[in-house]
Amino acid sequence: MKTEFEFTLPIGYVDAEGTVHRQGAMRMATAMDEIAPMRDMRVRANQAYLVIVLLSRVITRLGTVASINTAVIEGMFSADLAYLQELYRRINETASNTLQVVCPQCDHAFDVDTRPVGE
């Protein structure tokens, strides 16, 4: 089962040195990833901050950024944040509806959506 997904940000995160980081990876969320942010005082004070904490937990790599934390996510452009929110939703809401298969003739691996037509 695939649990980590590569991505390319539309704009890219610009670090303190001016380096743009666009390539990264996000893993599927665990139950604790979704529960733990509710204990964060920043989330309690402002529910909109939930996405910042959540993404900081599930993004495993972003260019050469040493540590993905809330400050990194806060520093992203709105377009990149929206992209990551949609990726998170796709990974965690539909991952169980895909199946990786291999073509028996050419050995090409690809994902197949297993949801019934119309859903």
N, C-alpha and C. Protein backbone atom coordinates (compact mmCIF):
# COMPACT_ATOMS: atom_id res chain seq x y z
N MET A 1 0.84 -1.18 0.00
CA MET A 1 0.00 0.00 0.00
C MET A 1 0.89 1.24 0.00
N LYS A 2 0.56 2.19 -0.82
CA LYS A 2 1.31 3.43 -0.93
C LYS A 2 0.83 4.38 0.16
N THR A 3 1.75 4.87 1.01
CA THR A 3 1.37 5.77 2.11
C THR A 3 2.03 7.14 2.02
N GLU A 4 2.94 7.33 1.08
CA GLU A 4 3.60 8.62 0.92
C GLU A 4 3.49 9.04 -0.55
N PHE A 5 3.20 10.32 -0.78
CA PHE A 5 2.92 10.82 -2.11
C PHE A 5 3.78 12.04 -2.41
N GLU A 6 4.45 12.01 -3.56
CA GLU A 6 5.29 13.12 -4.02
C GLU A 6 4.39 14.26 -4.51
N PHE A 7 4.88 15.50 -4.39
CA PHE A 7 4.16 16.64 -4.93
C PHE A 7 5.13 17.71 -5.42
N THR A 8 4.59 18.61 -6.24
CA THR A 8 5.31 19.79 -6.69
C THR A 8 4.41 20.99 -6.45
N LEU A 9 4.85 21.91 -5.61
CA LEU A 9 4.05 23.08 -5.29
C LEU A 9 3.92 23.99 -6.52
N PRO A 10 2.77 24.63 -6.70
CA PRO A 10 2.59 25.51 -7.85
C PRO A 10 3.55 26.71 -7.84
N ILE A 11 3.81 27.28 -6.67
CA ILE A 11 4.70 28.45 -6.56
C ILE A 11 5.99 28.07 -5.87
N GLY A 12 5.90 27.53 -4.67
CA GLY A 12 7.07 27.10 -3.92
C GLY A 12 7.28 27.90 -2.66
N TYR A 13 7.82 27.23 -1.67
CA TYR A 13 8.14 27.86 -0.38
C TYR A 13 9.50 28.54 -0.50
N VAL A 14 9.57 29.80 -0.11
CA VAL A 14 10.83 30.55 -0.15
C VAL A 14 11.37 30.64 1.27
N ASP A 15 12.56 30.05 1.49
CA ASP A 15 13.14 30.06 2.83
C ASP A 15 13.85 31.39 3.11
N ALA A 16 14.43 31.52 4.30
CA ALA A 16 15.08 32.76 4.74
C ALA A 16 16.25 33.17 3.84
N GLU A 17 16.88 32.21 3.18
CA GLU A 17 18.00 32.50 2.29
C GLU A 17 17.54 32.82 0.87
N GLY A 18 16.24 32.73 0.61
CA GLY A 18 15.71 33.01 -0.71
C GLY A 18 15.62 31.81 -1.63
N THR A 19 15.92 30.63 -1.11
CA THR A 19 15.83 29.40 -1.91
C THR A 19 14.37 29.00 -2.04
N VAL A 20 13.97 28.64 -3.26
CA VAL A 20 12.60 28.19 -3.52
C VAL A 20 12.56 26.67 -3.47
N HIS A 21 11.65 26.14 -2.67
CA HIS A 21 11.48 24.69 -2.51
C HIS A 21 10.12 24.31 -3.06
N ARG A 22 10.09 23.47 -4.10
CA ARG A 22 8.82 23.08 -4.71
C ARG A 22 8.53 21.59 -4.59
N GLN A 23 9.54 20.76 -4.58
CA GLN A 23 9.36 19.30 -4.54
C GLN A 23 9.22 18.84 -3.09
N GLY A 24 8.29 17.94 -2.85
CA GLY A 24 8.12 17.43 -1.51
C GLY A 24 7.37 16.13 -1.49
N ALA A 25 7.03 15.71 -0.28
CA ALA A 25 6.26 14.48 -0.09
C ALA A 25 5.34 14.65 1.11
N MET A 26 4.19 14.01 1.01
CA MET A 26 3.21 14.02 2.09
C MET A 26 2.80 12.57 2.35
N ARG A 27 2.70 12.22 3.62
CA ARG A 27 2.26 10.88 3.98
C ARG A 27 0.78 10.91 4.35
N MET A 28 0.18 9.75 4.33
CA MET A 28 -1.21 9.63 4.78
C MET A 28 -1.27 9.98 6.26
N ALA A 29 -2.36 10.57 6.67
CA ALA A 29 -2.54 10.95 8.07
C ALA A 29 -2.97 9.76 8.91
N THR A 30 -2.53 9.79 10.16
CA THR A 30 -2.98 8.80 11.15
C THR A 30 -4.10 9.43 11.97
N ALA A 31 -4.75 8.63 12.76
CA ALA A 31 -5.78 9.16 13.66
C ALA A 31 -5.19 10.22 14.58
N MET A 32 -3.97 9.98 15.08
CA MET A 32 -3.33 10.94 15.98
C MET A 32 -3.02 12.25 15.28
N ASP A 33 -2.69 12.19 13.99
CA ASP A 33 -2.44 13.42 13.24
C ASP A 33 -3.67 14.33 13.24
N GLU A 34 -4.84 13.74 13.24
CA GLU A 34 -6.06 14.53 13.21
C GLU A 34 -6.56 14.90 14.60
N ILE A 35 -6.17 14.13 15.61
CA ILE A 35 -6.60 14.39 16.98
C ILE A 35 -5.67 15.39 17.69
N ALA A 36 -4.38 15.21 17.56
CA ALA A 36 -3.39 16.02 18.28
C ALA A 36 -3.54 17.53 18.08
N PRO A 37 -3.82 18.01 16.87
CA PRO A 37 -3.95 19.46 16.72
C PRO A 37 -5.06 20.08 17.57
N MET A 38 -6.06 19.29 17.93
CA MET A 38 -7.16 19.81 18.74
C MET A 38 -6.69 20.20 20.14
N ARG A 39 -5.53 19.69 20.57
CA ARG A 39 -4.95 20.05 21.87
C ARG A 39 -4.11 21.32 21.79
N ASP A 40 -3.77 21.73 20.57
CA ASP A 40 -2.91 22.89 20.35
C ASP A 40 -3.67 24.17 20.68
N MET A 41 -3.09 25.02 21.51
CA MET A 41 -3.75 26.26 21.94
C MET A 41 -4.03 27.19 20.76
N ARG A 42 -3.16 27.16 19.74
CA ARG A 42 -3.38 28.01 18.56
C ARG A 42 -4.63 27.57 17.81
N VAL A 43 -4.88 26.28 17.77
CA VAL A 43 -6.08 25.75 17.11
C VAL A 43 -7.31 26.07 17.94
N ARG A 44 -7.18 25.96 19.26
CA ARG A 44 -8.32 26.28 20.14
C ARG A 44 -8.70 27.75 20.02
N ALA A 45 -7.70 28.60 19.84
CA ALA A 45 -7.96 30.04 19.72
C ALA A 45 -8.50 30.41 18.34
N ASN A 46 -8.11 29.65 17.33
CA ASN A 46 -8.50 29.95 15.95
C ASN A 46 -8.58 28.65 15.17
N GLN A 47 -9.77 28.15 14.94
CA GLN A 47 -9.99 26.86 14.28
C GLN A 47 -9.34 26.80 12.90
N ALA A 48 -9.19 27.94 12.24
CA ALA A 48 -8.56 27.97 10.91
C ALA A 48 -7.10 27.54 10.96
N TYR A 49 -6.48 27.60 12.15
CA TYR A 49 -5.08 27.22 12.30
C TYR A 49 -4.90 25.69 12.24
N LEU A 50 -5.98 24.96 12.31
CA LEU A 50 -5.93 23.50 12.27
C LEU A 50 -5.16 23.00 11.06
N VAL A 51 -5.42 23.56 9.89
CA VAL A 51 -4.75 23.10 8.67
C VAL A 51 -3.24 23.31 8.74
N ILE A 52 -2.81 24.36 9.39
CA ILE A 52 -1.37 24.65 9.52
C ILE A 52 -0.70 23.55 10.34
N VAL A 53 -1.29 23.22 11.48
CA VAL A 53 -0.72 22.19 12.36
C VAL A 53 -0.78 20.82 11.67
N LEU A 54 -1.90 20.53 11.06
CA LEU A 54 -2.09 19.24 10.40
C LEU A 54 -1.07 19.03 9.28
N LEU A 55 -0.91 20.01 8.40
CA LEU A 55 0.06 19.87 7.31
C LEU A 55 1.49 19.77 7.82
N SER A 56 1.80 20.46 8.90
CA SER A 56 3.16 20.38 9.45
C SER A 56 3.46 18.97 9.97
N ARG A 57 2.43 18.21 10.29
CA ARG A 57 2.62 16.84 10.78
C ARG A 57 2.77 15.83 9.65
N VAL A 58 2.11 16.07 8.50
CA VAL A 58 2.08 15.04 7.46
C VAL A 58 3.02 15.29 6.28
N ILE A 59 3.53 16.51 6.14
CA ILE A 59 4.51 16.76 5.08
C ILE A 59 5.85 16.22 5.58
N THR A 60 6.38 15.27 4.86
CA THR A 60 7.61 14.60 5.30
C THR A 60 8.87 15.19 4.68
N ARG A 61 8.69 15.89 3.56
CA ARG A 61 9.86 16.46 2.88
C ARG A 61 9.42 17.65 2.06
N LEU A 62 10.26 18.70 2.04
CA LEU A 62 10.03 19.86 1.20
C LEU A 62 11.39 20.41 0.78
N GLY A 63 11.79 20.06 -0.43
CA GLY A 63 13.10 20.49 -0.92
C GLY A 63 14.18 20.09 0.07
N THR A 64 15.01 21.07 0.42
CA THR A 64 16.10 20.81 1.38
C THR A 64 15.80 21.41 2.75
N VAL A 65 14.54 21.75 3.01
CA VAL A 65 14.15 22.29 4.31
C VAL A 65 14.40 21.21 5.35
N ALA A 66 15.16 21.57 6.38
CA ALA A 66 15.57 20.59 7.40
C ALA A 66 14.40 20.09 8.25
N SER A 67 13.50 20.97 8.61
CA SER A 67 12.41 20.59 9.50
C SER A 67 11.13 21.26 9.03
N ILE A 68 10.10 20.46 8.80
CA ILE A 68 8.80 21.00 8.41
C ILE A 68 8.03 21.25 9.69
N ASN A 69 7.77 22.52 9.98
CA ASN A 69 7.03 22.88 11.19
C ASN A 69 5.97 23.93 10.83
N THR A 70 5.25 24.40 11.82
CA THR A 70 4.17 25.35 11.55
C THR A 70 4.69 26.65 10.94
N ALA A 71 5.89 27.08 11.31
CA ALA A 71 6.45 28.31 10.74
C ALA A 71 6.65 28.17 9.23
N VAL A 72 7.06 27.00 8.77
CA VAL A 72 7.23 26.75 7.34
C VAL A 72 5.87 26.84 6.64
N ILE A 73 4.87 26.18 7.19
CA ILE A 73 3.55 26.18 6.56
C ILE A 73 2.96 27.59 6.57
N GLU A 74 3.16 28.33 7.66
CA GLU A 74 2.68 29.72 7.74
C GLU A 74 3.31 30.60 6.66
N GLY A 75 4.54 30.28 6.27
CA GLY A 75 5.26 31.08 5.29
C GLY A 75 4.95 30.75 3.84
N MET A 76 4.06 29.81 3.62
CA MET A 76 3.73 29.42 2.24
C MET A 76 2.76 30.39 1.61
N PHE A 77 2.81 30.48 0.28
CA PHE A 77 1.85 31.29 -0.45
C PHE A 77 0.48 30.61 -0.42
N SER A 78 -0.57 31.39 -0.53
CA SER A 78 -1.94 30.87 -0.46
C SER A 78 -2.21 29.78 -1.49
N ALA A 79 -1.69 29.94 -2.69
CA ALA A 79 -1.91 28.93 -3.74
C ALA A 79 -1.29 27.59 -3.35
N ASP A 80 -0.12 27.63 -2.72
CA ASP A 80 0.53 26.39 -2.29
C ASP A 80 -0.23 25.76 -1.13
N LEU A 81 -0.72 26.58 -0.22
CA LEU A 81 -1.50 26.06 0.90
C LEU A 81 -2.78 25.39 0.39
N ALA A 82 -3.45 26.02 -0.56
CA ALA A 82 -4.67 25.43 -1.13
C ALA A 82 -4.36 24.12 -1.84
N TYR A 83 -3.24 24.09 -2.56
CA TYR A 83 -2.82 22.87 -3.26
C TYR A 83 -2.60 21.74 -2.25
N LEU A 84 -1.90 22.04 -1.16
CA LEU A 84 -1.60 21.01 -0.15
C LEU A 84 -2.86 20.54 0.56
N GLN A 85 -3.81 21.44 0.80
CA GLN A 85 -5.07 21.04 1.42
C GLN A 85 -5.83 20.06 0.52
N GLU A 86 -5.85 20.35 -0.77
CA GLU A 86 -6.53 19.46 -1.71
C GLU A 86 -5.81 18.11 -1.80
N LEU A 87 -4.48 18.14 -1.82
CA LEU A 87 -3.71 16.90 -1.86
C LEU A 87 -3.99 16.07 -0.61
N TYR A 88 -4.01 16.72 0.55
CA TYR A 88 -4.32 16.03 1.81
C TYR A 88 -5.69 15.35 1.71
N ARG A 89 -6.66 16.10 1.22
CA ARG A 89 -8.01 15.54 1.09
C ARG A 89 -8.02 14.34 0.16
N ARG A 90 -7.38 14.47 -1.00
CA ARG A 90 -7.34 13.37 -1.96
C ARG A 90 -6.65 12.14 -1.39
N ILE A 91 -5.52 12.34 -0.74
CA ILE A 91 -4.75 11.22 -0.17
C ILE A 91 -5.55 10.50 0.90
N ASN A 92 -6.17 11.25 1.79
CA ASN A 92 -6.79 10.65 2.96
C ASN A 92 -8.25 10.26 2.78
N GLU A 93 -8.92 10.83 1.81
CA GLU A 93 -10.31 10.46 1.59
C GLU A 93 -10.49 9.44 0.49
N THR A 94 -9.54 9.35 -0.44
CA THR A 94 -9.73 8.44 -1.56
C THR A 94 -8.64 7.38 -1.67
N ALA A 95 -7.64 7.42 -0.81
CA ALA A 95 -6.55 6.45 -0.93
C ALA A 95 -7.05 5.02 -0.81
N SER A 96 -8.07 4.81 0.02
CA SER A 96 -8.59 3.46 0.19
C SER A 96 -9.41 3.01 -1.03
N ASN A 97 -9.68 3.94 -1.94
CA ASN A 97 -10.45 3.61 -3.13
C ASN A 97 -9.58 3.39 -4.36
N THR A 98 -8.27 3.30 -4.15
CA THR A 98 -7.38 3.05 -5.28
C THR A 98 -6.62 1.75 -5.04
N LEU A 99 -6.27 1.15 -6.12
CA LEU A 99 -5.54 -0.10 -6.07
C LEU A 99 -4.41 -0.01 -7.08
N GLN A 100 -3.19 -0.32 -6.66
CA GLN A 100 -2.08 -0.29 -7.60
C GLN A 100 -2.02 -1.64 -8.31
N VAL A 101 -1.98 -1.58 -9.63
CA VAL A 101 -1.94 -2.79 -10.44
C VAL A 101 -0.77 -2.71 -11.42
N VAL A 102 -0.40 -3.87 -11.95
CA VAL A 102 0.70 -3.95 -12.91
C VAL A 102 0.18 -4.63 -14.16
N CYS A 103 0.44 -4.00 -15.31
CA CYS A 103 0.01 -4.58 -16.58
C CYS A 103 0.80 -5.87 -16.82
N PRO A 104 0.12 -6.97 -17.08
CA PRO A 104 0.81 -8.25 -17.29
C PRO A 104 1.61 -8.29 -18.60
N GLN A 105 1.33 -7.39 -19.53
CA GLN A 105 2.03 -7.40 -20.81
C GLN A 105 3.27 -6.51 -20.81
N CYS A 106 3.17 -5.31 -20.20
CA CYS A 106 4.30 -4.37 -20.28
C CYS A 106 4.95 -4.08 -18.93
N ASP A 107 4.41 -4.63 -17.85
CA ASP A 107 4.91 -4.42 -16.49
C ASP A 107 4.80 -2.98 -15.99
N HIS A 108 3.97 -2.15 -16.63
CA HIS A 108 3.76 -0.77 -16.19
C HIS A 108 2.83 -0.78 -14.97
N ALA A 109 3.24 -0.12 -13.87
CA ALA A 109 2.41 -0.02 -12.67
C ALA A 109 1.58 1.25 -12.73
N PHE A 110 0.32 1.15 -12.30
CA PHE A 110 -0.55 2.33 -12.27
C PHE A 110 -1.65 2.10 -11.24
N ASP A 111 -2.29 3.22 -10.83
CA ASP A 111 -3.37 3.15 -9.86
C ASP A 111 -4.71 3.08 -10.58
N VAL A 112 -5.62 2.30 -10.02
CA VAL A 112 -6.97 2.17 -10.56
C VAL A 112 -7.95 2.60 -9.48
N ASP A 113 -8.88 3.47 -9.85
CA ASP A 113 -9.92 3.91 -8.95
C ASP A 113 -10.95 2.78 -8.84
N THR A 114 -11.18 2.26 -7.63
CA THR A 114 -12.07 1.13 -7.46
C THR A 114 -13.49 1.53 -7.04
N ARG A 115 -13.75 2.84 -6.96
CA ARG A 115 -15.10 3.27 -6.59
C ARG A 115 -16.07 2.96 -7.72
N PRO A 116 -17.30 2.59 -7.39
CA PRO A 116 -18.30 2.34 -8.43
C PRO A 116 -18.55 3.61 -9.24
N VAL A 117 -18.92 3.44 -10.49
CA VAL A 117 -19.21 4.57 -11.37
C VAL A 117 -20.35 5.39 -10.76
N GLY A 118 -20.20 6.72 -10.78
CA GLY A 118 -21.23 7.60 -10.26
C GLY A 118 -20.99 8.08 -8.85
N GLU A 119 -19.99 7.57 -8.18
CA GLU A 119 -19.70 8.03 -6.81
C GLU A 119 -18.67 9.10 -6.82
